[in-house]
Amino acid sequence: MIFGGNPSPCLSQLHNDQVAIIAFYGDDDPEVLPTTLYKMWEELSHSKALWQMIVYPNVTNEFKDEDSPHYHAHYAADAWRRCVEFLHEILEPPAPSLRKSDVF
């Protein structure tokens, strides 16, 4: 899980990634330019990783910090919901399928 932070140092490695990644950013973050986020998306799209990248409009990376003047309750709640759903998706085993021999 990535909640902000500058991905520039690892961008060239992301296309080799095979892990599950969910990343949350604000598109108004002075530390991470939109061009950097686009490069990150591009690298992830060429990887074998299971990934999601969510970029919220008109907020900084502090959108999730309740103590920040940049806190955005709707985006913070959405990010936590998406995070939990993503973890359920990658951590819960799929339901077993029935075979003909299993049916009476």
Protein backbone atom coordinates (compact mmCIF):
# COMPACT_ATOMS: atom_id res chain seq x y z
CA MET A 1 0.00 0.00 0.00
CA ILE A 2 1.30 3.39 -0.96
CA PHE A 3 -0.22 6.51 0.54
CA GLY A 4 1.77 9.23 -1.19
CA GLY A 5 5.48 9.71 -1.33
CA ASN A 6 7.63 10.39 -4.34
CA PRO A 7 7.93 7.24 -6.49
CA SER A 8 10.68 8.71 -8.71
CA PRO A 9 13.57 6.67 -7.23
CA CYS A 10 11.86 3.36 -8.04
CA LEU A 11 10.00 4.16 -11.27
CA SER A 12 12.42 2.26 -13.47
CA GLN A 13 11.92 -0.87 -11.35
CA LEU A 14 8.11 -0.94 -11.32
CA HIS A 15 7.69 -2.74 -14.65
CA ASN A 16 9.52 -5.72 -13.08
CA ASP A 17 7.16 -5.84 -10.10
CA GLN A 18 5.01 -8.90 -9.53
CA VAL A 19 3.54 -7.97 -6.16
CA ALA A 20 0.16 -6.45 -5.33
CA ILE A 21 0.28 -2.66 -5.23
CA ILE A 22 -2.38 -0.12 -4.37
CA ALA A 23 -1.31 3.50 -4.46
CA PHE A 24 -3.14 6.66 -3.43
CA TYR A 25 -2.11 10.16 -4.44
CA GLY A 26 -3.51 13.66 -4.62
CA ASP A 27 -2.98 15.42 -7.94
CA ASP A 28 -2.13 18.70 -6.21
CA ASP A 29 0.80 17.33 -4.21
CA PRO A 30 3.79 19.67 -4.54
CA GLU A 31 6.18 16.76 -3.90
CA VAL A 32 4.86 14.53 -6.71
CA LEU A 33 4.16 16.07 -10.09
CA PRO A 34 1.37 14.74 -12.32
CA THR A 35 4.00 13.75 -14.89
CA THR A 36 5.62 11.53 -12.27
CA LEU A 37 2.27 9.92 -11.48
CA TYR A 38 1.71 9.29 -15.18
CA LYS A 39 5.15 7.64 -15.45
CA MET A 40 4.28 5.49 -12.44
CA TRP A 41 0.98 4.44 -14.05
CA GLU A 42 2.80 3.68 -17.30
CA GLU A 43 5.41 1.50 -15.56
CA LEU A 44 2.77 -0.39 -13.57
CA SER A 45 0.70 -1.00 -16.69
CA HIS A 46 3.68 -2.90 -18.15
CA SER A 47 4.21 -4.99 -15.03
CA LYS A 48 2.79 -8.34 -14.02
CA ALA A 49 1.67 -6.89 -10.71
CA LEU A 50 -1.91 -6.80 -9.52
CA TRP A 51 -2.21 -3.05 -9.03
CA GLN A 52 -4.49 -0.09 -8.60
CA MET A 53 -3.50 3.56 -8.63
CA ILE A 54 -5.99 6.13 -7.41
CA VAL A 55 -5.31 9.84 -7.89
CA TYR A 56 -7.76 12.19 -6.20
CA PRO A 57 -8.34 15.59 -7.84
CA ASN A 58 -7.49 18.94 -6.24
CA VAL A 59 -5.92 17.59 -3.04
CA THR A 60 -2.44 17.12 -1.64
CA ASN A 61 -1.09 13.92 -0.15
CA GLU A 62 -2.43 15.11 3.22
CA PHE A 63 -6.02 14.36 2.14
CA LYS A 64 -6.07 11.40 4.54
CA ASP A 65 -4.60 13.16 7.60
CA GLU A 66 -7.38 14.25 9.96
CA ASP A 67 -5.03 16.74 11.64
CA SER A 68 -4.13 18.47 8.39
CA PRO A 69 -5.91 21.55 7.03
CA HIS A 70 -5.84 19.65 3.70
CA TYR A 71 -7.89 16.74 5.07
CA HIS A 72 -10.66 15.60 2.72
CA ALA A 73 -13.12 13.34 4.55
CA HIS A 74 -14.73 11.88 1.42
CA TYR A 75 -11.44 10.95 -0.25
CA ALA A 76 -10.00 9.62 3.01
CA ALA A 77 -13.00 7.34 3.52
CA ASP A 78 -12.89 6.25 -0.12
CA ALA A 79 -9.18 5.42 0.13
CA TRP A 80 -9.66 3.28 3.25
CA ARG A 81 -12.64 1.49 1.66
CA ARG A 82 -10.63 0.76 -1.48
CA CYS A 83 -7.67 -0.38 0.59
CA VAL A 84 -9.78 -2.88 2.53
CA GLU A 85 -11.42 -4.17 -0.66
CA PHE A 86 -8.01 -4.60 -2.29
CA LEU A 87 -6.69 -6.52 0.71
CA HIS A 88 -9.75 -8.79 0.67
CA GLU A 89 -9.20 -9.40 -3.03
CA ILE A 90 -5.57 -10.44 -2.65
CA LEU A 91 -5.70 -12.17 0.74
CA GLU A 92 -8.92 -14.17 0.60
CA PRO A 93 -8.68 -17.45 -1.28
CA PRO A 94 -11.20 -17.92 -4.06
CA ALA A 95 -14.28 -19.97 -3.26
CA PRO A 96 -13.90 -23.59 -4.33
CA SER A 97 -15.80 -24.56 -7.43
CA LEU A 98 -18.00 -27.62 -7.52
CA ARG A 99 -17.09 -30.47 -9.80
CA LYS A 100 -19.68 -32.85 -11.20
CA SER A 101 -18.41 -35.53 -8.86
CA ASP A 102 -19.20 -33.23 -5.90
CA VAL A 103 -22.89 -32.99 -6.78
CA PHE A 104 -25.21 -35.75 -5.55
